[in-house]
Amino acid sequence: MPVRFLSFSNDSALCADAVRSYTKNRLVRTLSPSINLFRAAAFSRQMSLFFKYHINGLLQGLWVSIVYAGGDDVFLVGAWNHTLQAALRIQKHLRSYTCGALTISAGIAMFNEHYPIRAAAEQTAALEDEAKKLPGKNGAALFDAVPDHTYSWDVLQDKVLGEKLACLEQFFAQFQKKDDDHRGNSMLYNLTDLLRNTREDQVNFARCVYLLARLRPDEKKASPAQQDAYRTFSHNVLDWARDPEQRRQLITAIYIYVYQKRGRE
């Protein structure tokens, strides 16, 4: 079941997203040769029920609005980070609703709020195609139509969001001073650039070590919680930087964190 996400954002606190999904009756084609026209029609009705009725409850509490939902299509508009959560909710509950018989391939992109929807749709179609290359066609491609930000739903939820993004949030939560420039977005941009070019035997890894060393808080001024947060963050980042897959996930998590922070400022 392919899903397309069109995202629109600006630099203000309000970010707008558009979510477009396209569902095909893969279950009807692959579940069993015994499926007849009656069963196919019943399945189609159940899918329409999910996208017309059940989806309303799934999106409660999220800053999203349903522009269209019915049959095998859903189109949402809302805050981009809430749209990402909407995607995760839809995937989780649809898997339960179909007993795991259907999978979702999603493309999630972000554009300026004035960006033409037609052009955004074409770019997210490329993301959707990238996501379809995953085993089982069960994952999402974010930001760019390259494999760098393409993950299965489990990896996206557990590794990118639940591990890497959570580590970033826990670290920066301890250092909230606006004049703390060396722990701001510029540091994350520099770290991302180093991570993109890091190999275990290259000088960029040493530069990562130096960059993280500059983040060490003053032991006389820092609280125990800040010192613990720094040790955990620096240790994790260096471990992840050594492994290509973990490094890729960390870069995606940094992207998401920066977008979230931009939306709050």
Protein backbone atom coordinates (compact mmCIF):
# COMPACT_ATOMS: atom_id res chain seq x y z
CA MET A 1 0.00 0.00 0.00
CA PRO A 2 1.87 3.10 -1.19
CA VAL A 3 1.45 6.29 0.81
CA ARG A 4 2.52 9.75 -0.25
CA PHE A 5 3.23 12.59 2.16
CA LEU A 6 3.56 16.17 0.94
CA SER A 7 4.95 18.51 3.57
CA PHE A 8 4.99 22.29 3.60
CA SER A 9 6.81 24.41 6.14
CA ASN A 10 8.17 27.84 6.84
CA ASP A 11 10.51 29.28 9.46
CA SER A 12 7.73 30.36 11.80
CA ALA A 13 6.18 28.40 14.62
CA LEU A 14 3.44 27.20 12.30
CA CYS A 15 4.46 24.57 9.80
CA ALA A 16 1.96 23.18 7.35
CA ASP A 17 2.03 19.70 5.88
CA ALA A 18 0.01 17.93 3.29
CA VAL A 19 -0.29 14.18 3.42
CA ARG A 20 -1.42 12.19 0.47
CA SER A 21 -1.82 8.43 0.52
CA TYR A 22 -2.57 6.02 -2.23
CA THR A 23 -3.77 2.56 -1.25
CA LYS A 24 -3.95 -0.40 -3.58
CA ASN A 25 -5.84 -3.57 -2.82
CA ARG A 26 -2.72 -5.69 -2.52
CA LEU A 27 -4.58 -7.98 -0.15
CA VAL A 28 -7.13 -8.86 -2.84
CA ARG A 29 -4.39 -9.74 -5.31
CA THR A 30 -2.07 -11.72 -3.06
CA LEU A 31 -3.88 -13.12 -0.04
CA SER A 32 -5.50 -16.14 -1.64
CA PRO A 33 -6.64 -17.40 -5.05
CA SER A 34 -10.03 -18.11 -3.46
CA ILE A 35 -10.85 -14.40 -3.09
CA ASN A 36 -13.82 -13.63 -5.30
CA LEU A 37 -15.59 -10.46 -6.37
CA PHE A 38 -17.83 -10.47 -3.29
CA ARG A 39 -14.87 -10.69 -0.92
CA ALA A 40 -13.01 -8.04 -2.88
CA ALA A 41 -15.99 -5.70 -2.57
CA ALA A 42 -16.24 -6.40 1.16
CA PHE A 43 -12.55 -5.66 1.55
CA SER A 44 -12.93 -2.41 -0.38
CA ARG A 45 -15.77 -1.35 1.92
CA GLN A 46 -13.67 -2.08 5.01
CA MET A 47 -10.78 -0.04 3.65
CA SER A 48 -13.14 2.82 2.87
CA LEU A 49 -14.51 2.56 6.41
CA PHE A 50 -11.01 2.81 7.84
CA PHE A 51 -10.12 5.95 5.88
CA LYS A 52 -13.52 7.63 6.23
CA TYR A 53 -14.35 6.80 9.83
CA HIS A 54 -11.60 5.21 11.93
CA ILE A 55 -8.96 7.69 10.82
CA ASN A 56 -10.79 10.51 12.62
CA GLY A 57 -10.17 8.91 15.99
CA LEU A 58 -6.55 8.12 15.13
CA LEU A 59 -5.76 11.76 14.47
CA GLN A 60 -7.28 13.18 17.64
CA GLY A 61 -4.86 15.45 19.50
CA LEU A 62 -2.78 16.09 16.38
CA TRP A 63 -2.61 19.40 14.57
CA VAL A 64 -3.84 17.97 11.29
CA SER A 65 -6.98 18.38 9.22
CA ILE A 66 -8.41 15.83 6.82
CA VAL A 67 -8.84 17.34 3.38
CA TYR A 68 -9.99 14.09 1.82
CA ALA A 69 -10.20 10.50 3.02
CA GLY A 70 -12.06 7.69 1.36
CA GLY A 71 -11.55 4.50 -0.59
CA ASP A 72 -7.83 4.17 -1.01
CA ASP A 73 -6.86 7.83 -0.62
CA VAL A 74 -6.25 10.16 2.30
CA PHE A 75 -5.08 13.76 2.16
CA LEU A 76 -4.17 15.64 5.34
CA VAL A 77 -2.94 19.15 6.11
CA GLY A 78 -1.32 20.10 9.40
CA ALA A 79 1.83 20.80 11.37
CA TRP A 80 4.67 18.85 9.84
CA ASN A 81 5.79 17.09 13.03
CA HIS A 82 2.18 16.19 13.80
CA THR A 83 1.85 14.85 10.28
CA LEU A 84 4.81 12.56 10.93
CA GLN A 85 3.04 11.29 14.04
CA ALA A 86 -0.13 10.86 12.00
CA ALA A 87 1.81 8.69 9.54
CA LEU A 88 3.08 6.49 12.35
CA ARG A 89 -0.39 6.16 13.84
CA ILE A 90 -1.98 5.28 10.51
CA GLN A 91 0.68 2.67 9.81
CA LYS A 92 0.35 1.10 13.25
CA HIS A 93 -3.43 0.93 13.29
CA LEU A 94 -3.79 -0.14 9.67
CA ARG A 95 -1.43 -3.03 10.36
CA SER A 96 -3.65 -4.05 13.26
CA TYR A 97 -6.83 -3.42 11.26
CA THR A 98 -5.68 -5.74 8.42
CA CYS A 99 -3.93 -8.27 10.70
CA GLY A 100 -0.63 -7.38 9.06
CA ALA A 101 -1.84 -8.23 5.55
CA LEU A 102 -1.23 -4.72 4.20
CA THR A 103 1.94 -2.67 4.30
CA ILE A 104 2.54 1.03 3.69
CA SER A 105 5.24 2.68 1.61
CA ALA A 106 5.40 6.38 2.40
CA GLY A 107 7.12 9.46 1.06
CA ILE A 108 7.47 12.38 3.48
CA ALA A 109 8.88 15.66 2.21
CA MET A 110 9.03 19.23 3.46
CA PHE A 111 8.56 22.35 1.39
CA ASN A 112 8.03 26.06 1.86
CA GLU A 113 4.39 26.90 2.44
CA HIS A 114 4.27 28.75 -0.90
CA TYR A 115 5.69 25.80 -2.84
CA PRO A 116 3.31 24.57 -5.60
CA ILE A 117 1.42 21.46 -4.55
CA ARG A 118 1.76 19.93 -8.01
CA ALA A 119 5.55 20.16 -7.88
CA ALA A 120 5.57 18.85 -4.30
CA ALA A 121 3.43 15.90 -5.36
CA GLU A 122 5.93 14.96 -8.05
CA GLN A 123 8.84 15.08 -5.63
CA THR A 124 7.07 13.03 -2.99
CA ALA A 125 6.16 10.50 -5.68
CA ALA A 126 9.90 9.96 -6.10
CA LEU A 127 10.18 9.48 -2.33
CA GLU A 128 7.34 6.96 -2.42
CA ASP A 129 9.13 5.03 -5.16
CA GLU A 130 12.28 5.00 -3.02
CA ALA A 131 10.33 3.61 -0.06
CA LYS A 132 8.90 0.83 -2.25
CA LYS A 133 12.41 -0.53 -2.69
CA LEU A 134 12.47 -1.63 0.95
CA PRO A 135 11.80 -5.31 1.64
CA GLY A 136 8.07 -5.88 1.86
CA LYS A 137 7.38 -2.31 0.70
CA ASN A 138 6.90 -1.41 4.34
CA GLY A 139 8.63 1.84 5.22
CA ALA A 140 9.08 5.54 4.65
CA ALA A 141 11.44 7.80 2.72
CA LEU A 142 11.99 11.23 4.26
CA PHE A 143 13.20 14.57 2.92
CA ASP A 144 15.13 13.55 -0.22
CA ALA A 145 14.63 10.90 -2.88
CA VAL A 146 17.81 9.10 -1.86
CA PRO A 147 18.31 6.04 0.35
CA ASP A 148 19.94 8.16 3.09
CA HIS A 149 16.62 8.79 4.86
CA THR A 150 14.67 5.66 3.91
CA TYR A 151 13.71 3.26 6.69
CA SER A 152 11.32 0.52 7.59
CA TRP A 153 8.62 1.69 9.98
CA ASP A 154 10.15 -0.25 12.88
CA VAL A 155 13.59 1.28 12.36
CA LEU A 156 12.12 4.76 11.97
CA GLN A 157 10.08 4.41 15.15
CA ASP A 158 12.58 2.57 17.36
CA LYS A 159 16.02 3.58 16.14
CA VAL A 160 15.66 7.03 14.55
CA LEU A 161 12.94 8.51 16.77
CA GLY A 162 13.05 6.36 19.89
CA GLU A 163 16.85 6.18 20.19
CA LYS A 164 18.74 8.87 18.26
CA LEU A 165 16.18 11.67 18.43
CA ALA A 166 15.47 10.91 22.09
CA CYS A 167 19.21 11.15 22.87
CA LEU A 168 19.42 14.55 21.17
CA GLU A 169 16.37 15.86 23.02
CA GLN A 170 17.63 14.63 26.40
CA PHE A 171 21.02 16.26 25.88
CA PHE A 172 19.78 19.65 24.70
CA ALA A 173 17.07 19.72 27.35
CA GLN A 174 19.87 20.20 29.88
CA PHE A 175 21.29 23.23 28.04
CA GLN A 176 18.52 25.71 27.27
CA LYS A 177 20.40 29.02 27.41
CA LYS A 178 19.88 30.98 24.20
CA ASP A 179 23.39 32.42 24.40
CA ASP A 180 24.88 28.91 24.45
CA ASP A 181 25.97 29.14 20.80
CA HIS A 182 28.31 26.17 20.76
CA ARG A 183 25.41 23.87 21.66
CA GLY A 184 22.98 25.27 19.10
CA ASN A 185 21.95 24.59 15.54
CA SER A 186 25.33 25.67 14.15
CA MET A 187 26.98 22.88 16.13
CA LEU A 188 24.45 20.38 14.76
CA TYR A 189 25.07 21.59 11.20
CA ASN A 190 28.82 21.12 11.69
CA LEU A 191 28.30 17.70 13.25
CA THR A 192 26.03 16.63 10.40
CA ASP A 193 28.62 17.71 7.83
CA LEU A 194 31.32 15.73 9.61
CA LEU A 195 29.09 12.67 9.94
CA ARG A 196 28.29 12.68 6.25
CA ASN A 197 31.99 12.46 5.43
CA THR A 198 33.13 10.32 8.32
CA ARG A 199 34.72 6.94 7.86
CA GLU A 200 36.34 5.01 10.65
CA ASP A 201 39.82 5.68 9.32
CA GLN A 202 39.36 9.28 8.20
CA VAL A 203 40.29 12.56 9.82
CA ASN A 204 36.64 13.64 10.06
CA PHE A 205 36.12 11.19 12.89
CA ALA A 206 38.87 12.96 14.84
CA ARG A 207 37.10 16.23 14.12
CA CYS A 208 33.90 14.77 15.54
CA VAL A 209 35.81 13.91 18.71
CA TYR A 210 37.12 17.47 18.92
CA LEU A 211 33.69 18.97 18.30
CA LEU A 212 32.15 16.86 21.05
CA ALA A 213 34.99 17.70 23.41
CA ARG A 214 34.15 21.39 23.02
CA LEU A 215 30.65 20.62 24.29
CA ARG A 216 31.94 19.39 27.64
CA PRO A 217 30.35 21.53 30.36
CA ASP A 218 32.44 23.27 33.01
CA GLU A 219 32.65 20.80 35.88
CA LYS A 220 32.53 23.64 38.41
CA LYS A 221 29.36 25.14 36.97
CA ALA A 222 27.53 22.19 35.46
CA SER A 223 25.01 20.19 37.43
CA PRO A 224 25.39 16.40 37.78
CA ALA A 225 22.48 15.97 35.35
CA GLN A 226 24.25 18.11 32.73
CA GLN A 227 27.49 16.17 33.14
CA ASP A 228 25.66 12.85 32.81
CA ALA A 229 23.77 14.10 29.76
CA TYR A 230 27.03 15.16 28.11
CA ARG A 231 28.77 11.84 28.81
CA THR A 232 25.82 9.86 27.45
CA PHE A 233 25.46 12.05 24.37
CA SER A 234 29.16 12.12 23.45
CA HIS A 235 29.57 8.38 24.04
CA ASN A 236 26.54 7.52 21.90
CA VAL A 237 27.44 9.89 19.05
CA LEU A 238 30.96 8.49 18.77
CA ASP A 239 29.67 4.91 18.81
CA TRP A 240 27.07 5.69 16.16
CA ALA A 241 29.59 7.59 14.02
CA ARG A 242 31.68 4.44 13.64
CA ASP A 243 28.84 2.41 12.14
CA PRO A 244 27.47 3.44 8.71
CA GLU A 245 23.85 2.47 9.42
CA GLN A 246 23.79 4.03 12.90
CA ARG A 247 25.45 7.15 11.49
CA ARG A 248 22.80 7.42 8.79
CA GLN A 249 20.04 7.16 11.39
CA LEU A 250 21.70 9.84 13.53
CA ILE A 251 21.83 12.28 10.60
CA THR A 252 18.10 11.77 10.00
CA ALA A 253 17.40 12.31 13.70
CA ILE A 254 19.38 15.57 13.62
CA TYR A 255 17.29 16.76 10.66
CA ILE A 256 14.08 16.02 12.55
CA TYR A 257 15.34 17.66 15.75
CA VAL A 258 16.36 20.86 13.93
CA TYR A 259 12.96 21.07 12.23
CA GLN A 260 11.20 20.58 15.54
CA LYS A 261 13.34 23.21 17.23
CA ARG A 262 12.74 25.65 14.39
CA GLY A 263 8.99 25.18 14.78
CA ARG A 264 9.15 26.01 18.51
CA GLU A 265 11.23 29.18 18.08
